[in-house]
Amino acid sequence: MRRSVVFTTAERCDLVISDFLRAGERDGFEIPAYCFMPDHVHTVVGGTRHDSDLIRWITMAKQFSAVTFRRITGSPLWQEGWFDRVIRNSDDIEGIVR
């Protein structure tokens, strides 16, 4: 599947991270690190509450940002699915983020 190049301006990245943060406030997640690539985004997220649900956060973050992006650009934003990796307390998070 060919990915669309969408993250080409700071404004586009800002609107997406803003919606990710809004979903994080709603669902109990912080985003200590993120990196936008032209056709995808990497995020490091961590639950802040006992009921934080990663799947719910991803669903809402993608939904919020897709609606905003389509309203502004008229184009779709996300393809279906995502890739995740669990970072444990014993992992070197600074090295992973670097």
C-alpha atoms as a PDB file:
ATOM      1  CA  MET A   1       0.000   0.000   0.000  1.00  0.00           C
ATOM      2  CA  ARG A   2       1.360   3.389  -0.984  1.00  0.00           C
ATOM      3  CA  ARG A   3       1.414   5.959   1.801  1.00  0.00           C
ATOM      4  CA  SER A   4       0.374   9.563   1.234  1.00  0.00           C
ATOM      5  CA  VAL A   5       2.874  12.313   1.999  1.00  0.00           C
ATOM      6  CA  VAL A   6       0.846  14.596   4.273  1.00  0.00           C
ATOM      7  CA  PHE A   7       3.115  15.911   7.026  1.00  0.00           C
ATOM      8  CA  THR A   8       4.864  18.508   4.899  1.00  0.00           C
ATOM      9  CA  THR A   9       4.283  21.644   6.988  1.00  0.00           C
ATOM     10  CA  ALA A  10       4.547  22.581  10.650  1.00  0.00           C
ATOM     11  CA  GLU A  11       0.879  23.597  10.571  1.00  0.00           C
ATOM     12  CA  ARG A  12      -0.243  20.105   9.578  1.00  0.00           C
ATOM     13  CA  CYS A  13       1.915  18.492  12.253  1.00  0.00           C
ATOM     14  CA  ASP A  14       0.691  20.979  14.866  1.00  0.00           C
ATOM     15  CA  LEU A  15      -2.974  20.275  14.187  1.00  0.00           C
ATOM     16  CA  VAL A  16      -2.421  16.514  14.494  1.00  0.00           C
ATOM     17  CA  ILE A  17      -0.384  16.687  17.699  1.00  0.00           C
ATOM     18  CA  SER A  18      -2.970  19.060  19.147  1.00  0.00           C
ATOM     19  CA  ASP A  19      -5.687  16.462  18.547  1.00  0.00           C
ATOM     20  CA  PHE A  20      -3.437  13.695  19.917  1.00  0.00           C
ATOM     21  CA  LEU A  21      -2.952  15.738  23.102  1.00  0.00           C
ATOM     22  CA  ARG A  22      -6.704  16.399  23.332  1.00  0.00           C
ATOM     23  CA  ALA A  23      -7.348  12.644  23.112  1.00  0.00           C
ATOM     24  CA  GLY A  24      -4.620  12.121  25.722  1.00  0.00           C
ATOM     25  CA  GLU A  25      -6.291  14.487  28.177  1.00  0.00           C
ATOM     26  CA  ARG A  26      -9.591  12.710  27.593  1.00  0.00           C
ATOM     27  CA  ASP A  27      -8.248   9.157  27.901  1.00  0.00           C
ATOM     28  CA  GLY A  28      -5.405   9.561  30.399  1.00  0.00           C
ATOM     29  CA  PHE A  29      -2.262   9.573  28.249  1.00  0.00           C
ATOM     30  CA  GLU A  30       0.807  11.760  28.077  1.00  0.00           C
ATOM     31  CA  ILE A  31       2.972  12.108  24.976  1.00  0.00           C
ATOM     32  CA  PRO A  32       6.572  12.738  26.077  1.00  0.00           C
ATOM     33  CA  ALA A  33       7.999  12.345  22.554  1.00  0.00           C
ATOM     34  CA  TYR A  34       6.826  12.363  18.961  1.00  0.00           C
ATOM     35  CA  CYS A  35       8.364  12.596  15.506  1.00  0.00           C
ATOM     36  CA  PHE A  36       6.578  13.373  12.257  1.00  0.00           C
ATOM     37  CA  MET A  37       7.845  11.783   9.078  1.00  0.00           C
ATOM     38  CA  PRO A  38       6.432  12.841   5.688  1.00  0.00           C
ATOM     39  CA  ASP A  39       4.006   9.901   5.582  1.00  0.00           C
ATOM     40  CA  HIS A  40       3.576   8.774   9.206  1.00  0.00           C
ATOM     41  CA  VAL A  41       4.139   9.747  12.832  1.00  0.00           C
ATOM     42  CA  HIS A  42       5.970   8.081  15.727  1.00  0.00           C
ATOM     43  CA  THR A  43       4.717   8.712  19.259  1.00  0.00           C
ATOM     44  CA  VAL A  44       5.819   7.623  22.703  1.00  0.00           C
ATOM     45  CA  VAL A  45       2.765   7.582  24.939  1.00  0.00           C
ATOM     46  CA  GLY A  46       2.236   6.584  28.532  1.00  0.00           C
ATOM     47  CA  GLY A  47      -0.904   5.995  30.530  1.00  0.00           C
ATOM     48  CA  THR A  48      -1.459   8.359  33.441  1.00  0.00           C
ATOM     49  CA  ARG A  49      -4.473   6.668  35.038  1.00  0.00           C
ATOM     50  CA  HIS A  50      -5.395   3.147  36.070  1.00  0.00           C
ATOM     51  CA  ASP A  51      -8.090   3.095  33.364  1.00  0.00           C
ATOM     52  CA  SER A  52      -5.896   4.379  30.498  1.00  0.00           C
ATOM     53  CA  ASP A  53      -6.697   2.286  27.416  1.00  0.00           C
ATOM     54  CA  LEU A  54      -4.219   2.446  24.530  1.00  0.00           C
ATOM     55  CA  ILE A  55      -6.637   1.198  21.886  1.00  0.00           C
ATOM     56  CA  ARG A  56      -9.244   3.770  22.941  1.00  0.00           C
ATOM     57  CA  TRP A  57      -6.608   6.528  22.853  1.00  0.00           C
ATOM     58  CA  ILE A  58      -5.348   5.528  19.383  1.00  0.00           C
ATOM     59  CA  THR A  59      -8.906   5.320  18.076  1.00  0.00           C
ATOM     60  CA  MET A  60      -9.830   8.752  19.411  1.00  0.00           C
ATOM     61  CA  ALA A  61      -6.530  10.418  18.464  1.00  0.00           C
ATOM     62  CA  LYS A  62      -6.863   9.181  14.890  1.00  0.00           C
ATOM     63  CA  GLN A  63     -10.549  10.113  14.732  1.00  0.00           C
ATOM     64  CA  PHE A  64     -10.060  13.639  16.145  1.00  0.00           C
ATOM     65  CA  SER A  65      -7.116  14.364  13.851  1.00  0.00           C
ATOM     66  CA  ALA A  66      -8.754  12.827  10.766  1.00  0.00           C
ATOM     67  CA  VAL A  67     -11.844  15.014  11.150  1.00  0.00           C
ATOM     68  CA  THR A  68      -9.759  18.166  11.658  1.00  0.00           C
ATOM     69  CA  PHE A  69      -7.437  17.315   8.769  1.00  0.00           C
ATOM     70  CA  ARG A  70     -10.291  16.581   6.354  1.00  0.00           C
ATOM     71  CA  ARG A  71     -12.091  19.792   7.355  1.00  0.00           C
ATOM     72  CA  ILE A  72      -8.972  21.865   6.609  1.00  0.00           C
ATOM     73  CA  THR A  73      -7.542  20.032   3.593  1.00  0.00           C
ATOM     74  CA  GLY A  74     -10.453  18.044   2.155  1.00  0.00           C
ATOM     75  CA  SER A  75      -8.240  14.937   2.174  1.00  0.00           C
ATOM     76  CA  PRO A  76      -8.190  11.761   4.271  1.00  0.00           C
ATOM     77  CA  LEU A  77      -5.362  11.363   6.772  1.00  0.00           C
ATOM     78  CA  TRP A  78      -4.923   7.816   8.095  1.00  0.00           C
ATOM     79  CA  GLN A  79      -4.888   4.347   6.640  1.00  0.00           C
ATOM     80  CA  GLU A  80      -6.336   1.523   8.721  1.00  0.00           C
ATOM     81  CA  GLY A  81      -4.303  -0.020  11.505  1.00  0.00           C
ATOM     82  CA  TRP A  82      -1.150   0.929  13.347  1.00  0.00           C
ATOM     83  CA  PHE A  83       2.058  -0.574  14.677  1.00  0.00           C
ATOM     84  CA  ASP A  84       2.826  -0.537  18.385  1.00  0.00           C
ATOM     85  CA  ARG A  85       5.724  -1.528  20.571  1.00  0.00           C
ATOM     86  CA  VAL A  86       5.650  -1.851  24.352  1.00  0.00           C
ATOM     87  CA  ILE A  87       8.413  -0.002  26.200  1.00  0.00           C
ATOM     88  CA  ARG A  88       9.041  -1.462  29.617  1.00  0.00           C
ATOM     89  CA  ASN A  89      10.344   0.365  32.681  1.00  0.00           C
ATOM     90  CA  SER A  90      13.658  -1.473  32.285  1.00  0.00           C
ATOM     91  CA  ASP A  91      14.087  -0.250  28.664  1.00  0.00           C
ATOM     92  CA  ASP A  92      16.300   2.722  27.819  1.00  0.00           C
ATOM     93  CA  ILE A  93      13.562   5.181  26.842  1.00  0.00           C
ATOM     94  CA  GLU A  94      16.044   7.974  26.101  1.00  0.00           C
ATOM     95  CA  GLY A  95      17.895   5.695  23.699  1.00  0.00           C
ATOM     96  CA  ILE A  96      14.642   4.621  22.069  1.00  0.00           C
ATOM     97  CA  VAL A  97      13.545   8.227  21.589  1.00  0.00           C
ATOM     98  CA  ARG A  98      16.960   9.222  20.202  1.00  0.00           C
END
